[in-house]
Amino acid sequence: MNIKILLKISFFFLISFWSANVSAQDVVKEQNIKWYIDYDLKTSACKDEKSAHPFCAEWKEYGLCEDEYDRAIMEVYCQRTCAFCSAVEPPKCLYSEYGCCWDWEKEALSPDGDGCPRCRDEFRTLCKRFRSQCEKQGKNGEYIRRKCGKTCGFCRKDMMVIDEATFNRHRTKLQ
């Protein structure tokens, strides 16, 4: 492996450790949380790790996406550049007459959200305490989004029902 690549990878790991502790307030500066519809409940949004993104294209040119030793690292940090992402599969309720409720599980019975559960936090104290996990990928983020709909910003009038067009529009932004 080239010394130049080795230095860049080392630099990248240092940066990724320093940037790992970004709070929700640093990421979400407005009421409109942009990730809300990425359907990260089963698969993560396809993107490169923020700190590695500037280097991913160059690493791909050097063949690190295909290299048997480096592929595992590239799957974590450069999944979009290396095309390691699987397609996001829409929930079944999306194809019902009125789309999904905010919980992505139940079918809405009208455009106004009839039949949908009340959007709320299941655990008020827990949700406030772990608000910073709302936009995180992985099991913690998934759990908080499912249990803390109100805290994570799902309880807006225009988001009560999610139809196929809305799903596809937001899914495109993530790929």
Protein backbone atom coordinates (compact mmCIF):
# COMPACT_ATOMS: atom_id res chain seq x y z
CA MET A 1 0.00 0.00 0.00
CA ASN A 2 1.23 3.46 -0.90
CA ILE A 3 2.50 5.60 2.04
CA LYS A 4 0.36 8.52 0.83
CA ILE A 5 -2.81 6.43 1.15
CA LEU A 6 -1.73 5.12 4.54
CA LEU A 7 -1.23 8.68 5.83
CA LYS A 8 -4.67 9.74 4.55
CA ILE A 9 -6.36 6.76 6.16
CA SER A 10 -4.60 7.50 9.47
CA PHE A 11 -5.64 11.15 9.27
CA PHE A 12 -9.21 10.12 8.50
CA PHE A 13 -9.40 7.87 11.59
CA LEU A 14 -8.20 10.70 13.83
CA ILE A 15 -10.79 13.09 12.39
CA SER A 16 -13.59 10.53 12.71
CA PHE A 17 -12.89 10.05 16.43
CA TRP A 18 -12.95 13.82 17.05
CA SER A 19 -16.16 14.42 15.08
CA ALA A 20 -18.08 11.49 16.60
CA ASN A 21 -19.48 13.56 19.49
CA VAL A 22 -21.62 16.02 17.52
CA SER A 23 -24.88 16.78 19.33
CA ALA A 24 -28.35 16.95 17.82
CA GLN A 25 -28.36 20.71 18.30
CA ASP A 26 -25.25 20.97 16.10
CA VAL A 27 -26.84 18.86 13.39
CA VAL A 28 -30.47 19.99 13.58
CA LYS A 29 -30.69 23.77 13.79
CA GLU A 30 -34.30 24.04 12.71
CA GLN A 31 -37.65 22.43 13.50
CA ASN A 32 -37.73 20.55 10.18
CA ILE A 33 -35.63 17.43 10.75
CA LYS A 34 -34.55 16.36 7.27
CA TRP A 35 -33.92 12.67 7.90
CA TYR A 36 -37.40 11.86 9.14
CA ILE A 37 -38.45 9.84 6.14
CA ASP A 38 -35.27 7.92 5.34
CA TYR A 39 -36.93 4.76 6.59
CA ASP A 40 -33.87 3.85 8.59
CA LEU A 41 -35.96 1.37 10.58
CA LYS A 42 -34.57 -1.58 8.62
CA THR A 43 -31.59 -0.23 6.63
CA SER A 44 -29.37 2.78 7.11
CA ALA A 45 -29.42 5.68 4.71
CA CYS A 46 -26.75 5.22 2.05
CA LYS A 47 -23.98 7.73 2.61
CA ASP A 48 -20.28 8.02 3.21
CA GLU A 49 -19.05 8.75 6.72
CA LYS A 50 -18.83 12.54 7.04
CA SER A 51 -15.14 12.65 7.97
CA ALA A 52 -14.12 10.18 5.22
CA HIS A 53 -16.20 11.60 2.37
CA PRO A 54 -13.44 13.88 0.98
CA PHE A 55 -11.14 10.86 0.59
CA CYS A 56 -13.56 8.13 -0.56
CA ALA A 57 -13.33 8.80 -4.31
CA GLU A 58 -9.54 8.74 -4.23
CA TRP A 59 -9.47 5.57 -2.14
CA LYS A 60 -11.87 3.97 -4.62
CA GLU A 61 -9.48 4.88 -7.47
CA TYR A 62 -6.72 3.05 -5.62
CA GLY A 63 -8.92 -0.05 -5.52
CA LEU A 64 -9.65 -0.09 -1.79
CA CYS A 65 -13.34 -0.90 -2.39
CA GLU A 66 -12.37 -4.23 -3.98
CA ASP A 67 -9.26 -5.00 -1.93
CA GLU A 68 -9.89 -8.00 0.33
CA TYR A 69 -8.17 -6.36 3.32
CA ASP A 70 -9.55 -2.83 2.98
CA ARG A 71 -13.11 -3.66 1.90
CA ALA A 72 -14.39 -4.02 5.49
CA ILE A 73 -13.22 -0.50 6.35
CA MET A 74 -14.59 0.91 3.10
CA GLU A 75 -18.01 -0.70 3.79
CA VAL A 76 -18.22 1.32 6.99
CA TYR A 77 -16.77 4.66 5.87
CA CYS A 78 -17.36 4.88 2.09
CA GLN A 79 -20.49 2.81 1.47
CA ARG A 80 -22.04 5.23 -1.03
CA THR A 81 -18.88 5.82 -3.08
CA CYS A 82 -18.17 2.09 -3.28
CA ALA A 83 -21.85 1.25 -4.02
CA PHE A 84 -22.19 -1.11 -1.04
CA CYS A 85 -25.71 0.11 -0.19
CA SER A 86 -28.83 -1.94 -0.56
CA ALA A 87 -31.99 -0.33 -1.85
CA VAL A 88 -34.44 0.97 0.71
CA GLU A 89 -37.55 -1.21 0.70
CA PRO A 90 -40.78 0.71 1.28
CA PRO A 91 -43.22 -0.51 3.95
CA LYS A 92 -46.34 -2.34 2.70
CA CYS A 93 -48.72 0.32 4.03
CA LEU A 94 -47.21 2.78 1.56
CA TYR A 95 -49.20 1.16 -1.25
CA SER A 96 -52.55 1.41 0.53
CA GLU A 97 -55.12 3.96 -0.67
CA TYR A 98 -53.98 6.74 1.71
CA GLY A 99 -50.41 5.68 2.52
CA CYS A 100 -48.81 5.10 5.92
CA CYS A 101 -49.38 6.69 9.28
CA TRP A 102 -46.49 8.52 10.94
CA ASP A 103 -45.42 5.26 12.60
CA TRP A 104 -44.71 3.60 9.20
CA GLU A 105 -46.74 0.55 10.31
CA LYS A 106 -50.46 1.27 10.09
CA GLU A 107 -52.42 2.16 6.98
CA ALA A 108 -54.05 5.59 7.05
CA LEU A 109 -57.81 5.47 6.46
CA SER A 110 -58.05 9.00 5.05
CA PRO A 111 -55.76 11.80 3.85
CA ASP A 112 -56.23 13.42 7.29
CA GLY A 113 -54.74 10.48 9.15
CA ASP A 114 -57.93 8.77 10.33
CA GLY A 115 -57.06 5.41 11.85
CA CYS A 116 -53.54 6.52 12.71
CA PRO A 117 -52.33 6.35 16.30
CA ARG A 118 -51.90 9.62 18.13
CA CYS A 119 -48.36 10.84 17.55
CA ARG A 120 -46.70 10.91 20.96
CA ASP A 121 -43.67 9.93 23.03
CA GLU A 122 -43.98 6.60 24.80
CA PHE A 123 -41.42 7.61 27.42
CA ARG A 124 -41.44 11.34 28.14
CA THR A 125 -38.31 11.46 30.31
CA LEU A 126 -36.32 9.02 28.20
CA CYS A 127 -37.21 10.85 24.99
CA LYS A 128 -36.09 14.23 26.33
CA ARG A 129 -32.87 12.75 27.65
CA PHE A 130 -31.95 10.95 24.42
CA ARG A 131 -33.20 13.51 21.90
CA SER A 132 -29.73 13.62 20.35
CA GLN A 133 -30.25 10.03 19.14
CA CYS A 134 -33.16 10.99 16.86
CA GLU A 135 -30.96 11.48 13.79
CA LYS A 136 -28.49 8.69 14.53
CA GLN A 137 -28.23 5.54 12.44
CA GLY A 138 -28.25 2.11 14.00
CA LYS A 139 -30.27 0.46 16.75
CA ASN A 140 -30.27 3.43 19.18
CA GLY A 141 -31.58 5.87 16.58
CA GLU A 142 -34.15 3.35 15.36
CA TYR A 143 -35.44 2.76 18.89
CA ILE A 144 -35.71 6.46 19.75
CA ARG A 145 -37.52 7.27 16.47
CA ARG A 146 -40.05 4.48 17.12
CA LYS A 147 -40.67 5.37 20.77
CA CYS A 148 -40.26 9.17 20.68
CA GLY A 149 -42.27 10.38 17.66
CA LYS A 150 -43.14 13.73 19.21
CA THR A 151 -39.61 14.53 20.43
CA CYS A 152 -38.06 13.51 17.11
CA GLY A 153 -40.38 15.76 15.09
CA PHE A 154 -42.83 13.27 13.57
CA CYS A 155 -45.92 14.98 15.03
CA ARG A 156 -46.50 17.63 12.41
CA LYS A 157 -49.85 17.98 10.65
CA ASP A 158 -48.30 17.58 7.18
CA MET A 159 -46.55 14.36 8.22
CA MET A 160 -49.49 12.46 9.67
CA VAL A 161 -49.85 10.47 6.44
CA ILE A 162 -46.96 9.50 4.17
CA ASP A 163 -47.77 8.52 0.59
CA GLU A 164 -45.66 6.85 -2.11
CA ALA A 165 -44.71 10.12 -3.85
CA THR A 166 -43.43 11.61 -0.58
CA PHE A 167 -41.49 8.44 0.22
CA ASN A 168 -39.82 8.38 -3.21
CA ARG A 169 -38.99 12.10 -3.14
CA HIS A 170 -37.17 11.80 0.17
CA ARG A 171 -35.58 8.43 -0.62
CA THR A 172 -33.94 10.00 -3.70
CA LYS A 173 -32.24 12.62 -1.51
CA LEU A 174 -30.59 9.87 0.51
CA GLN A 175 -29.17 7.83 -2.36
